[in-house]
Amino acid sequence: MSEVILSVSNLKKSFRQGSGELHVLNGINLEVKKGEILSVIGPSGAGKSTLLHILGTLDRPTSGSILFGGEDVFARREPELARFRNSRIGFVFQFHHLMPEFTAEENVSMPARIAGMGPQKALELARELLGAVGLSQRLVHRPPELSGGEQQRVSIARALVMKPSLVLADEPTGNLDHATGHVVQELLLEMKRKYGTTLIVATHNPELARSADRVITIEDGQVTKEEIN
């Protein structure tokens, strides 16, 4: 039986809205196995992005728990949690969030530099990953000089530079045309196979959802359906 890398128990998240509260997640229970590809689908506003942000420790839940490798990650203080996030979790967003003033190789190397790796070694890792995603000829180009698909490939390389246990992708093909989105989808799957990383993808893309090992549907902040592909 595969090792459970992520265990979510009765996860809830609410936000202040005027004099009341907006309940976004209403008791999510979920287990994710090491090396699994999990797709999260559901209508806009269902809580998919909020779930991924909390799984990635970018936000804290209102209540409930998340065990990462059996450890309660939110028991960590914020500086330690930030180091954990940088070293163990990779992120790919719909809007790639690359820093426009830095080159592709500098953007990819940034998590390694933040972790204390020397600049030369970090750039060597970045170049290796950019080569793996087909951008070895675009190392010193800045994001405005790259196409949308190329920028998303840079963000995938950046997500993998620290060899994280978990990669979270929030609508990674949502801002791309169909053909480019398909290229990015295949690249994500290839990178997962190559590096053995657990991958959780929130998507409206049916083709991407079908490529996962398992699909869960979230509606009104709850898991309403689960399918094995």
C-alpha atoms as a PDB file:
ATOM      1  CA  MET A   1       0.000   0.000   0.000  1.00  0.00           C
ATOM      2  CA  SER A   2       1.329   3.460  -0.948  1.00  0.00           C
ATOM      3  CA  GLU A   3       2.427   5.815   1.775  1.00  0.00           C
ATOM      4  CA  VAL A   4      -0.015   8.602   2.639  1.00  0.00           C
ATOM      5  CA  ILE A   5       1.835  11.879   2.192  1.00  0.00           C
ATOM      6  CA  LEU A   6      -1.046  14.220   3.008  1.00  0.00           C
ATOM      7  CA  SER A   7      -3.939  13.696   5.395  1.00  0.00           C
ATOM      8  CA  VAL A   8      -6.674  16.335   5.717  1.00  0.00           C
ATOM      9  CA  SER A   9      -9.235  16.093   8.507  1.00  0.00           C
ATOM     10  CA  ASN A  10     -12.412  18.199   8.843  1.00  0.00           C
ATOM     11  CA  LEU A  11     -10.758  21.197   7.192  1.00  0.00           C
ATOM     12  CA  LYS A  12     -12.753  24.426   7.397  1.00  0.00           C
ATOM     13  CA  LYS A  13     -12.029  27.945   6.215  1.00  0.00           C
ATOM     14  CA  SER A  14     -14.111  31.078   6.742  1.00  0.00           C
ATOM     15  CA  PHE A  15     -13.503  34.702   5.842  1.00  0.00           C
ATOM     16  CA  ARG A  16     -14.913  37.855   7.407  1.00  0.00           C
ATOM     17  CA  GLN A  17     -17.502  39.459   5.145  1.00  0.00           C
ATOM     18  CA  GLY A  18     -19.031  42.618   6.508  1.00  0.00           C
ATOM     19  CA  SER A  19     -20.691  41.773   9.802  1.00  0.00           C
ATOM     20  CA  GLY A  20     -20.813  38.057   9.017  1.00  0.00           C
ATOM     21  CA  GLU A  21     -18.646  35.235   7.739  1.00  0.00           C
ATOM     22  CA  LEU A  22     -18.215  33.569   4.364  1.00  0.00           C
ATOM     23  CA  HIS A  23     -17.760  29.811   4.772  1.00  0.00           C
ATOM     24  CA  VAL A  24     -15.578  28.578   1.901  1.00  0.00           C
ATOM     25  CA  LEU A  25     -14.472  25.135   3.105  1.00  0.00           C
ATOM     26  CA  ASN A  26     -16.999  23.186   5.153  1.00  0.00           C
ATOM     27  CA  GLY A  27     -15.263  20.084   6.455  1.00  0.00           C
ATOM     28  CA  ILE A  28     -12.894  18.612   3.847  1.00  0.00           C
ATOM     29  CA  ASN A  29     -11.589  15.103   4.552  1.00  0.00           C
ATOM     30  CA  LEU A  30      -8.932  13.801   2.189  1.00  0.00           C
ATOM     31  CA  GLU A  31      -5.921  11.518   1.940  1.00  0.00           C
ATOM     32  CA  VAL A  32      -3.315  11.787  -0.806  1.00  0.00           C
ATOM     33  CA  LYS A  33      -0.786   9.034  -1.466  1.00  0.00           C
ATOM     34  CA  LYS A  34       2.858   9.527  -2.320  1.00  0.00           C
ATOM     35  CA  GLY A  35       3.343   9.782  -6.082  1.00  0.00           C
ATOM     36  CA  GLU A  36      -0.373  10.184  -6.787  1.00  0.00           C
ATOM     37  CA  ILE A  37      -1.872  12.620  -9.287  1.00  0.00           C
ATOM     38  CA  LEU A  38      -5.076  14.072  -7.853  1.00  0.00           C
ATOM     39  CA  SER A  39      -7.371  16.408  -9.778  1.00  0.00           C
ATOM     40  CA  VAL A  40      -9.728  18.736  -7.933  1.00  0.00           C
ATOM     41  CA  ILE A  41     -12.718  19.900  -9.971  1.00  0.00           C
ATOM     42  CA  GLY A  42     -15.900  21.809  -9.287  1.00  0.00           C
ATOM     43  CA  PRO A  43     -17.633  25.079 -10.155  1.00  0.00           C
ATOM     44  CA  SER A  44     -15.983  28.462  -9.711  1.00  0.00           C
ATOM     45  CA  GLY A  45     -16.215  29.585  -6.102  1.00  0.00           C
ATOM     46  CA  ALA A  46     -16.483  26.026  -4.781  1.00  0.00           C
ATOM     47  CA  GLY A  47     -13.268  26.359  -2.747  1.00  0.00           C
ATOM     48  CA  LYS A  48     -10.682  24.669  -4.991  1.00  0.00           C
ATOM     49  CA  SER A  49      -8.109  27.465  -4.885  1.00  0.00           C
ATOM     50  CA  THR A  50      -8.662  28.030  -1.177  1.00  0.00           C
ATOM     51  CA  LEU A  51      -8.013  24.333  -0.556  1.00  0.00           C
ATOM     52  CA  LEU A  52      -4.769  24.400  -2.549  1.00  0.00           C
ATOM     53  CA  HIS A  53      -3.584  27.535  -0.778  1.00  0.00           C
ATOM     54  CA  ILE A  54      -4.109  25.872   2.589  1.00  0.00           C
ATOM     55  CA  LEU A  55      -2.550  22.566   1.484  1.00  0.00           C
ATOM     56  CA  GLY A  56       0.450  24.627   0.379  1.00  0.00           C
ATOM     57  CA  THR A  57       0.546  26.443   3.762  1.00  0.00           C
ATOM     58  CA  LEU A  58       0.057  29.804   2.038  1.00  0.00           C
ATOM     59  CA  ASP A  59      -2.981  30.280   4.264  1.00  0.00           C
ATOM     60  CA  ARG A  60      -4.067  28.760   7.561  1.00  0.00           C
ATOM     61  CA  PRO A  61      -7.370  26.937   8.084  1.00  0.00           C
ATOM     62  CA  THR A  62     -10.040  28.204  10.431  1.00  0.00           C
ATOM     63  CA  SER A  63     -10.187  24.718  11.943  1.00  0.00           C
ATOM     64  CA  GLY A  64      -9.256  21.139  11.144  1.00  0.00           C
ATOM     65  CA  SER A  65      -5.843  19.621  10.566  1.00  0.00           C
ATOM     66  CA  ILE A  66      -3.350  18.841   7.814  1.00  0.00           C
ATOM     67  CA  LEU A  67      -0.722  16.181   8.379  1.00  0.00           C
ATOM     68  CA  PHE A  68       2.186  16.229   5.943  1.00  0.00           C
ATOM     69  CA  GLY A  69       4.072  12.964   6.259  1.00  0.00           C
ATOM     70  CA  GLY A  70       2.351  12.494   9.610  1.00  0.00           C
ATOM     71  CA  GLU A  71       3.379  15.927  10.918  1.00  0.00           C
ATOM     72  CA  ASP A  72       0.989  18.756  11.773  1.00  0.00           C
ATOM     73  CA  VAL A  73       2.534  21.460   9.575  1.00  0.00           C
ATOM     74  CA  PHE A  74       0.582  24.310  11.166  1.00  0.00           C
ATOM     75  CA  ALA A  75       2.178  23.552  14.535  1.00  0.00           C
ATOM     76  CA  ARG A  76       5.262  25.255  13.087  1.00  0.00           C
ATOM     77  CA  ARG A  77       5.926  28.943  13.644  1.00  0.00           C
ATOM     78  CA  GLU A  78       5.749  31.134  10.562  1.00  0.00           C
ATOM     79  CA  PRO A  79       9.502  31.428   9.731  1.00  0.00           C
ATOM     80  CA  GLU A  80       9.918  27.663  10.056  1.00  0.00           C
ATOM     81  CA  LEU A  81       6.735  27.097   8.057  1.00  0.00           C
ATOM     82  CA  ALA A  82       8.087  29.330   5.280  1.00  0.00           C
ATOM     83  CA  ARG A  83      11.282  27.254   5.113  1.00  0.00           C
ATOM     84  CA  PHE A  84       9.220  24.055   5.028  1.00  0.00           C
ATOM     85  CA  ARG A  85       7.056  25.454   2.216  1.00  0.00           C
ATOM     86  CA  ASN A  86      10.059  26.514   0.157  1.00  0.00           C
ATOM     87  CA  SER A  87      11.812  23.155   0.435  1.00  0.00           C
ATOM     88  CA  ARG A  88       8.935  20.654   0.343  1.00  0.00           C
ATOM     89  CA  ILE A  89       6.162  22.187  -1.791  1.00  0.00           C
ATOM     90  CA  GLY A  90       6.209  23.494  -5.356  1.00  0.00           C
ATOM     91  CA  PHE A  91       3.567  25.787  -6.855  1.00  0.00           C
ATOM     92  CA  VAL A  92       2.293  26.291 -10.396  1.00  0.00           C
ATOM     93  CA  PHE A  93      -0.392  28.953 -10.739  1.00  0.00           C
ATOM     94  CA  GLN A  94      -2.669  30.042 -13.573  1.00  0.00           C
ATOM     95  CA  PHE A  95      -0.798  33.346 -13.571  1.00  0.00           C
ATOM     96  CA  HIS A  96       2.806  32.225 -13.323  1.00  0.00           C
ATOM     97  CA  HIS A  97       3.996  34.944 -10.878  1.00  0.00           C
ATOM     98  CA  LEU A  98       7.443  35.190 -12.421  1.00  0.00           C
ATOM     99  CA  MET A  99       9.544  38.209 -11.509  1.00  0.00           C
ATOM    100  CA  PRO A 100       9.801  40.277 -14.697  1.00  0.00           C
ATOM    101  CA  GLU A 101      13.157  41.869 -13.866  1.00  0.00           C
ATOM    102  CA  PHE A 102      14.914  38.468 -13.615  1.00  0.00           C
ATOM    103  CA  THR A 103      15.855  36.026 -16.381  1.00  0.00           C
ATOM    104  CA  ALA A 104      14.269  32.603 -16.734  1.00  0.00           C
ATOM    105  CA  GLU A 105      17.227  30.891 -15.064  1.00  0.00           C
ATOM    106  CA  GLU A 106      17.237  33.435 -12.230  1.00  0.00           C
ATOM    107  CA  ASN A 107      13.501  32.950 -11.642  1.00  0.00           C
ATOM    108  CA  VAL A 108      13.904  29.170 -11.499  1.00  0.00           C
ATOM    109  CA  SER A 109      16.911  29.382  -9.178  1.00  0.00           C
ATOM    110  CA  MET A 110      15.154  31.678  -6.700  1.00  0.00           C
ATOM    111  CA  PRO A 111      13.740  28.999  -4.306  1.00  0.00           C
ATOM    112  CA  ALA A 112      17.195  27.404  -4.100  1.00  0.00           C
ATOM    113  CA  ARG A 113      18.829  30.771  -3.406  1.00  0.00           C
ATOM    114  CA  ILE A 114      16.246  31.479  -0.680  1.00  0.00           C
ATOM    115  CA  ALA A 115      17.129  28.100   0.863  1.00  0.00           C
ATOM    116  CA  GLY A 116      20.769  29.169   1.089  1.00  0.00           C
ATOM    117  CA  MET A 117      22.217  27.396  -1.939  1.00  0.00           C
ATOM    118  CA  GLY A 118      25.171  29.106  -3.597  1.00  0.00           C
ATOM    119  CA  PRO A 119      24.351  31.124  -6.721  1.00  0.00           C
ATOM    120  CA  GLN A 120      26.363  28.985  -9.129  1.00  0.00           C
ATOM    121  CA  LYS A 121      24.894  25.686  -7.968  1.00  0.00           C
ATOM    122  CA  ALA A 122      21.377  27.157  -7.970  1.00  0.00           C
ATOM    123  CA  LEU A 123      21.832  28.360 -11.550  1.00  0.00           C
ATOM    124  CA  GLU A 124      23.162  24.955 -12.600  1.00  0.00           C
ATOM    125  CA  LEU A 125      20.014  23.305 -11.213  1.00  0.00           C
ATOM    126  CA  ALA A 126      17.862  25.919 -12.929  1.00  0.00           C
ATOM    127  CA  ARG A 127      19.546  25.318 -16.281  1.00  0.00           C
ATOM    128  CA  GLU A 128      19.094  21.567 -15.929  1.00  0.00           C
ATOM    129  CA  LEU A 129      15.369  21.947 -15.283  1.00  0.00           C
ATOM    130  CA  LEU A 130      14.875  24.543 -18.002  1.00  0.00           C
ATOM    131  CA  GLY A 131      16.529  22.101 -20.373  1.00  0.00           C
ATOM    132  CA  ALA A 132      14.132  19.394 -19.191  1.00  0.00           C
ATOM    133  CA  VAL A 133      11.135  21.608 -20.041  1.00  0.00           C
ATOM    134  CA  GLY A 134      12.549  22.510 -23.452  1.00  0.00           C
ATOM    135  CA  LEU A 135      13.829  26.008 -22.706  1.00  0.00           C
ATOM    136  CA  SER A 136      17.596  25.578 -22.848  1.00  0.00           C
ATOM    137  CA  GLN A 137      17.720  28.298 -25.524  1.00  0.00           C
ATOM    138  CA  ARG A 138      15.746  30.767 -23.382  1.00  0.00           C
ATOM    139  CA  LEU A 139      17.817  30.820 -20.180  1.00  0.00           C
ATOM    140  CA  VAL A 140      18.601  34.529 -20.162  1.00  0.00           C
ATOM    141  CA  HIS A 141      15.278  35.765 -21.530  1.00  0.00           C
ATOM    142  CA  ARG A 142      13.053  37.689 -19.135  1.00  0.00           C
ATOM    143  CA  PRO A 143       9.331  36.859 -18.747  1.00  0.00           C
ATOM    144  CA  PRO A 144       8.103  39.692 -21.039  1.00  0.00           C
ATOM    145  CA  GLU A 145      10.252  38.165 -23.803  1.00  0.00           C
ATOM    146  CA  LEU A 146       8.603  34.726 -23.414  1.00  0.00           C
ATOM    147  CA  SER A 147       5.261  33.440 -24.666  1.00  0.00           C
ATOM    148  CA  GLY A 148       2.527  32.450 -22.198  1.00  0.00           C
ATOM    149  CA  GLY A 149       3.343  28.771 -22.637  1.00  0.00           C
ATOM    150  CA  GLU A 150       7.051  29.393 -22.152  1.00  0.00           C
ATOM    151  CA  GLN A 151       6.380  31.368 -18.999  1.00  0.00           C
ATOM    152  CA  GLN A 152       4.297  28.502 -17.637  1.00  0.00           C
ATOM    153  CA  ARG A 153       7.122  26.079 -18.420  1.00  0.00           C
ATOM    154  CA  VAL A 154       9.492  28.332 -16.467  1.00  0.00           C
ATOM    155  CA  SER A 155       7.073  28.210 -13.530  1.00  0.00           C
ATOM    156  CA  ILE A 156       6.985  24.402 -13.706  1.00  0.00           C
ATOM    157  CA  ALA A 157      10.788  24.300 -13.622  1.00  0.00           C
ATOM    158  CA  ARG A 158      10.762  26.706 -10.668  1.00  0.00           C
ATOM    159  CA  ALA A 159       8.247  24.490  -8.828  1.00  0.00           C
ATOM    160  CA  LEU A 160      10.603  21.511  -9.189  1.00  0.00           C
ATOM    161  CA  VAL A 161      13.977  23.125  -8.437  1.00  0.00           C
ATOM    162  CA  MET A 162      13.953  22.084  -4.763  1.00  0.00           C
ATOM    163  CA  LYS A 163      12.785  18.540  -5.645  1.00  0.00           C
ATOM    164  CA  PRO A 164       9.647  18.986  -3.520  1.00  0.00           C
ATOM    165  CA  SER A 165       7.534  16.129  -2.175  1.00  0.00           C
ATOM    166  CA  LEU A 166       4.363  17.840  -3.400  1.00  0.00           C
ATOM    167  CA  VAL A 167       3.505  20.097  -6.339  1.00  0.00           C
ATOM    168  CA  LEU A 168       0.255  22.071  -6.289  1.00  0.00           C
ATOM    169  CA  ALA A 169      -1.034  23.382  -9.620  1.00  0.00           C
ATOM    170  CA  ASP A 170      -3.949  25.824  -9.601  1.00  0.00           C
ATOM    171  CA  GLU A 171      -5.547  26.056 -13.072  1.00  0.00           C
ATOM    172  CA  PRO A 172      -2.144  25.614 -14.772  1.00  0.00           C
ATOM    173  CA  THR A 173      -3.691  25.589 -18.264  1.00  0.00           C
ATOM    174  CA  GLY A 174      -6.468  28.077 -17.565  1.00  0.00           C
ATOM    175  CA  ASN A 175      -4.735  31.094 -19.100  1.00  0.00           C
ATOM    176  CA  LEU A 176      -3.521  29.289 -22.231  1.00  0.00           C
ATOM    177  CA  ASP A 177      -5.039  28.383 -25.583  1.00  0.00           C
ATOM    178  CA  HIS A 178      -6.014  24.740 -26.084  1.00  0.00           C
ATOM    179  CA  ALA A 179      -2.879  23.652 -27.956  1.00  0.00           C
ATOM    180  CA  THR A 180      -0.478  25.353 -25.535  1.00  0.00           C
ATOM    181  CA  GLY A 181      -2.504  24.097 -22.579  1.00  0.00           C
ATOM    182  CA  HIS A 182      -2.156  20.541 -23.872  1.00  0.00           C
ATOM    183  CA  VAL A 183       1.639  20.973 -24.117  1.00  0.00           C
ATOM    184  CA  VAL A 184       1.767  22.245 -20.522  1.00  0.00           C
ATOM    185  CA  GLN A 185      -0.478  19.380 -19.366  1.00  0.00           C
ATOM    186  CA  GLU A 186       1.798  16.780 -20.968  1.00  0.00           C
ATOM    187  CA  LEU A 187       4.842  18.501 -19.510  1.00  0.00           C
ATOM    188  CA  LEU A 188       3.368  18.418 -15.994  1.00  0.00           C
ATOM    189  CA  LEU A 189       2.667  14.706 -16.338  1.00  0.00           C
ATOM    190  CA  GLU A 190       6.140  14.021 -17.747  1.00  0.00           C
ATOM    191  CA  MET A 191       7.816  15.966 -14.930  1.00  0.00           C
ATOM    192  CA  LYS A 192       5.750  14.033 -12.389  1.00  0.00           C
ATOM    193  CA  ARG A 193       6.839  10.728 -13.952  1.00  0.00           C
ATOM    194  CA  LYS A 194      10.470  11.832 -14.120  1.00  0.00           C
ATOM    195  CA  TYR A 195      10.769  13.161 -10.582  1.00  0.00           C
ATOM    196  CA  GLY A 196       8.136  11.043  -8.777  1.00  0.00           C
ATOM    197  CA  THR A 197       6.515  14.084  -7.205  1.00  0.00           C
ATOM    198  CA  THR A 198       2.980  13.962  -5.816  1.00  0.00           C
ATOM    199  CA  LEU A 199       0.808  16.293  -7.898  1.00  0.00           C
ATOM    200  CA  ILE A 200      -2.503  17.957  -6.960  1.00  0.00           C
ATOM    201  CA  VAL A 201      -4.185  19.943  -9.728  1.00  0.00           C
ATOM    202  CA  ALA A 202      -7.232  22.193  -9.450  1.00  0.00           C
ATOM    203  CA  THR A 203      -8.695  22.523 -12.922  1.00  0.00           C
ATOM    204  CA  HIS A 204     -11.706  23.190 -15.117  1.00  0.00           C
ATOM    205  CA  ASN A 205      -9.953  21.338 -17.946  1.00  0.00           C
ATOM    206  CA  PRO A 206     -11.695  17.927 -18.441  1.00  0.00           C
ATOM    207  CA  GLU A 207      -8.728  16.502 -20.363  1.00  0.00           C
ATOM    208  CA  LEU A 208      -6.320  17.396 -17.567  1.00  0.00           C
ATOM    209  CA  ALA A 209      -8.704  16.031 -14.936  1.00  0.00           C
ATOM    210  CA  ARG A 210      -8.985  12.698 -16.775  1.00  0.00           C
ATOM    211  CA  SER A 211      -5.182  12.337 -16.830  1.00  0.00           C
ATOM    212  CA  ALA A 212      -5.088  12.085 -13.019  1.00  0.00           C
ATOM    213  CA  ASP A 213      -5.135   8.883 -10.972  1.00  0.00           C
ATOM    214  CA  ARG A 214      -8.115  10.195  -9.013  1.00  0.00           C
ATOM    215  CA  VAL A 215     -10.602  13.037  -9.310  1.00  0.00           C
ATOM    216  CA  ILE A 216     -12.518  14.685  -6.486  1.00  0.00           C
ATOM    217  CA  THR A 217     -15.369  17.135  -6.979  1.00  0.00           C
ATOM    218  CA  ILE A 218     -15.800  20.026  -4.556  1.00  0.00           C
ATOM    219  CA  GLU A 219     -19.118  21.823  -4.280  1.00  0.00           C
ATOM    220  CA  ASP A 220     -20.043  24.367  -1.615  1.00  0.00           C
ATOM    221  CA  GLY A 221     -16.794  23.697   0.202  1.00  0.00           C
ATOM    222  CA  GLN A 222     -17.270  19.932   0.522  1.00  0.00           C
ATOM    223  CA  VAL A 223     -16.074  16.849  -1.357  1.00  0.00           C
ATOM    224  CA  THR A 224     -19.208  15.561  -3.072  1.00  0.00           C
ATOM    225  CA  LYS A 225     -17.757  12.945  -5.408  1.00  0.00           C
ATOM    226  CA  GLU A 226     -14.628  10.839  -5.893  1.00  0.00           C
ATOM    227  CA  GLU A 227     -13.655   8.895  -9.020  1.00  0.00           C
ATOM    228  CA  ILE A 228     -10.714   6.615  -9.823  1.00  0.00           C
ATOM    229  CA  ASN A 229      -9.427   6.931 -13.388  1.00  0.00           C
END
